[in-house]
Amino acid sequence: MGGADGGESPAAAARPPKTWCVAKPSADETALQGNINYVCQNVSCSVIQPGGPCFNPNTLASHASIAMNLYYAYNGRHSWNCYFRDSGIIVQSDPSYGSCTFY
């Protein structure tokens, strides 16, 4: 329900915007592979396995972004959960595509 003026309620307006963690475009492949290895030891990465909804595009950067965001979301969306030795970046634009949903 909206406020008296038809806008958002004060509680809704005070909520921070949803954020996602993705790989920095400048991150090197060694770091990205290390991120995937680390994350997939701690959370399920089935979505980036062959046949999974986020397997394509089958690129290291794409798979790393999905894995890094899984870890970030699973651990509370704190900025420090997206650091990944300075290879992650927090974005406010939903990176989901097709049947691949970034949570």
C-alpha atoms as a PDB file:
ATOM      1  CA  MET A   1       0.000   0.000   0.000  1.00  0.00           C
ATOM      2  CA  GLY A   2       1.148   3.500  -0.696  1.00  0.00           C
ATOM      3  CA  GLY A   3       1.407   6.378   1.747  1.00  0.00           C
ATOM      4  CA  ALA A   4      -1.198   9.118   2.124  1.00  0.00           C
ATOM      5  CA  ASP A   5       0.124  10.816  -1.020  1.00  0.00           C
ATOM      6  CA  GLY A   6      -0.014   7.567  -2.996  1.00  0.00           C
ATOM      7  CA  GLY A   7       3.770   7.105  -2.854  1.00  0.00           C
ATOM      8  CA  GLU A   8       5.784   4.462  -1.091  1.00  0.00           C
ATOM      9  CA  SER A   9       5.454   4.074   2.645  1.00  0.00           C
ATOM     10  CA  PRO A  10       8.329   5.519   4.709  1.00  0.00           C
ATOM     11  CA  ALA A  11       9.497   1.988   5.573  1.00  0.00           C
ATOM     12  CA  ALA A  12       9.670   0.989   1.905  1.00  0.00           C
ATOM     13  CA  ALA A  13      11.441   4.200   0.965  1.00  0.00           C
ATOM     14  CA  ALA A  14      14.050   3.635   3.690  1.00  0.00           C
ATOM     15  CA  ARG A  15      14.999   0.161   2.418  1.00  0.00           C
ATOM     16  CA  PRO A  16      18.342   0.137   0.657  1.00  0.00           C
ATOM     17  CA  PRO A  17      18.256  -0.861  -3.003  1.00  0.00           C
ATOM     18  CA  LYS A  18      18.928  -4.514  -3.802  1.00  0.00           C
ATOM     19  CA  THR A  19      22.480  -5.181  -4.851  1.00  0.00           C
ATOM     20  CA  TRP A  20      24.366  -7.958  -6.614  1.00  0.00           C
ATOM     21  CA  CYS A  21      28.013  -8.985  -6.713  1.00  0.00           C
ATOM     22  CA  VAL A  22      29.669  -9.607 -10.077  1.00  0.00           C
ATOM     23  CA  ALA A  23      33.193 -10.060 -11.381  1.00  0.00           C
ATOM     24  CA  LYS A  24      35.078  -6.885 -12.208  1.00  0.00           C
ATOM     25  CA  PRO A  25      35.736  -6.636 -15.944  1.00  0.00           C
ATOM     26  CA  SER A  26      39.427  -6.126 -15.109  1.00  0.00           C
ATOM     27  CA  ALA A  27      39.695  -9.303 -12.973  1.00  0.00           C
ATOM     28  CA  ASP A  28      42.190 -11.825 -14.277  1.00  0.00           C
ATOM     29  CA  GLU A  29      41.238 -15.401 -15.131  1.00  0.00           C
ATOM     30  CA  THR A  30      43.293 -16.909 -12.309  1.00  0.00           C
ATOM     31  CA  ALA A  31      41.388 -14.854  -9.739  1.00  0.00           C
ATOM     32  CA  LEU A  32      38.025 -15.696 -11.317  1.00  0.00           C
ATOM     33  CA  GLN A  33      38.767 -19.439 -11.357  1.00  0.00           C
ATOM     34  CA  GLY A  34      39.909 -19.211  -7.734  1.00  0.00           C
ATOM     35  CA  ASN A  35      36.651 -17.468  -6.834  1.00  0.00           C
ATOM     36  CA  ILE A  36      34.598 -20.207  -8.490  1.00  0.00           C
ATOM     37  CA  ASN A  37      36.600 -22.904  -6.699  1.00  0.00           C
ATOM     38  CA  TYR A  38      36.209 -21.199  -3.312  1.00  0.00           C
ATOM     39  CA  VAL A  39      32.510 -20.410  -3.662  1.00  0.00           C
ATOM     40  CA  CYS A  40      31.548 -23.827  -4.989  1.00  0.00           C
ATOM     41  CA  GLN A  41      33.124 -25.461  -1.928  1.00  0.00           C
ATOM     42  CA  ASN A  42      30.756 -23.414   0.249  1.00  0.00           C
ATOM     43  CA  VAL A  43      27.489 -23.139  -1.709  1.00  0.00           C
ATOM     44  CA  SER A  44      25.834 -25.123  -4.489  1.00  0.00           C
ATOM     45  CA  CYS A  45      26.959 -24.039  -7.934  1.00  0.00           C
ATOM     46  CA  SER A  46      24.624 -26.368  -9.834  1.00  0.00           C
ATOM     47  CA  VAL A  47      23.196 -23.422 -11.806  1.00  0.00           C
ATOM     48  CA  ILE A  48      26.501 -23.031 -13.686  1.00  0.00           C
ATOM     49  CA  GLN A  49      26.920 -26.738 -14.438  1.00  0.00           C
ATOM     50  CA  PRO A  50      26.086 -28.071 -17.942  1.00  0.00           C
ATOM     51  CA  GLY A  51      22.297 -28.063 -18.285  1.00  0.00           C
ATOM     52  CA  GLY A  52      21.907 -25.477 -15.512  1.00  0.00           C
ATOM     53  CA  PRO A  53      19.965 -22.262 -16.166  1.00  0.00           C
ATOM     54  CA  CYS A  54      23.143 -20.147 -15.939  1.00  0.00           C
ATOM     55  CA  PHE A  55      25.579 -22.402 -17.821  1.00  0.00           C
ATOM     56  CA  ASN A  56      25.404 -20.213 -20.942  1.00  0.00           C
ATOM     57  CA  PRO A  57      27.226 -18.137 -21.761  1.00  0.00           C
ATOM     58  CA  ASN A  58      29.904 -20.673 -20.915  1.00  0.00           C
ATOM     59  CA  THR A  59      32.587 -18.146 -19.991  1.00  0.00           C
ATOM     60  CA  LEU A  60      34.788 -17.818 -16.948  1.00  0.00           C
ATOM     61  CA  ALA A  61      33.610 -14.259 -16.265  1.00  0.00           C
ATOM     62  CA  SER A  62      29.942 -15.235 -16.445  1.00  0.00           C
ATOM     63  CA  HIS A  63      30.323 -18.311 -14.240  1.00  0.00           C
ATOM     64  CA  ALA A  64      32.450 -16.371 -11.740  1.00  0.00           C
ATOM     65  CA  SER A  65      29.870 -13.578 -11.523  1.00  0.00           C
ATOM     66  CA  ILE A  66      27.094 -16.049 -10.812  1.00  0.00           C
ATOM     67  CA  ALA A  67      29.146 -17.942  -8.223  1.00  0.00           C
ATOM     68  CA  MET A  68      30.342 -14.746  -6.543  1.00  0.00           C
ATOM     69  CA  ASN A  69      26.785 -13.454  -6.324  1.00  0.00           C
ATOM     70  CA  LEU A  70      25.582 -16.760  -4.826  1.00  0.00           C
ATOM     71  CA  TYR A  71      28.191 -16.379  -2.076  1.00  0.00           C
ATOM     72  CA  TYR A  72      27.370 -12.688  -1.583  1.00  0.00           C
ATOM     73  CA  ALA A  73      23.622 -13.353  -1.295  1.00  0.00           C
ATOM     74  CA  TYR A  74      24.056 -16.454   0.890  1.00  0.00           C
ATOM     75  CA  ASN A  75      26.215 -14.517   3.349  1.00  0.00           C
ATOM     76  CA  GLY A  76      23.953 -11.490   3.786  1.00  0.00           C
ATOM     77  CA  ARG A  77      24.924  -9.121   0.954  1.00  0.00           C
ATOM     78  CA  HIS A  78      27.650  -7.403   2.976  1.00  0.00           C
ATOM     79  CA  SER A  79      30.239  -5.449   1.003  1.00  0.00           C
ATOM     80  CA  TRP A  80      33.038  -7.613   2.395  1.00  0.00           C
ATOM     81  CA  ASN A  81      31.349 -10.700   0.907  1.00  0.00           C
ATOM     82  CA  CYS A  82      32.002  -9.282  -2.570  1.00  0.00           C
ATOM     83  CA  TYR A  83      35.636  -8.334  -2.167  1.00  0.00           C
ATOM     84  CA  PHE A  84      37.195 -11.551  -3.539  1.00  0.00           C
ATOM     85  CA  ARG A  85      40.706 -10.065  -3.384  1.00  0.00           C
ATOM     86  CA  ASP A  86      39.468  -6.988  -5.222  1.00  0.00           C
ATOM     87  CA  SER A  87      37.999  -8.974  -8.145  1.00  0.00           C
ATOM     88  CA  GLY A  88      34.328  -8.367  -7.275  1.00  0.00           C
ATOM     89  CA  ILE A  89      32.162  -5.296  -7.634  1.00  0.00           C
ATOM     90  CA  ILE A  90      28.714  -4.525  -6.210  1.00  0.00           C
ATOM     91  CA  VAL A  91      26.113  -3.376  -8.731  1.00  0.00           C
ATOM     92  CA  GLN A  92      22.558  -2.055  -8.347  1.00  0.00           C
ATOM     93  CA  SER A  93      21.365  -3.231 -11.764  1.00  0.00           C
ATOM     94  CA  ASP A  94      19.996  -6.789 -11.832  1.00  0.00           C
ATOM     95  CA  PRO A  95      22.369  -8.894 -13.973  1.00  0.00           C
ATOM     96  CA  SER A  96      19.790 -11.694 -14.446  1.00  0.00           C
ATOM     97  CA  TYR A  97      19.168 -12.829 -18.024  1.00  0.00           C
ATOM     98  CA  GLY A  98      16.877 -15.337 -19.717  1.00  0.00           C
ATOM     99  CA  SER A  99      16.282 -18.233 -17.318  1.00  0.00           C
ATOM    100  CA  CYS A 100      19.316 -17.273 -15.190  1.00  0.00           C
ATOM    101  CA  THR A 101      18.244 -15.433 -12.054  1.00  0.00           C
ATOM    102  CA  PHE A 102      20.811 -13.699  -9.862  1.00  0.00           C
ATOM    103  CA  TYR A 103      19.456 -13.828  -6.292  1.00  0.00           C
END
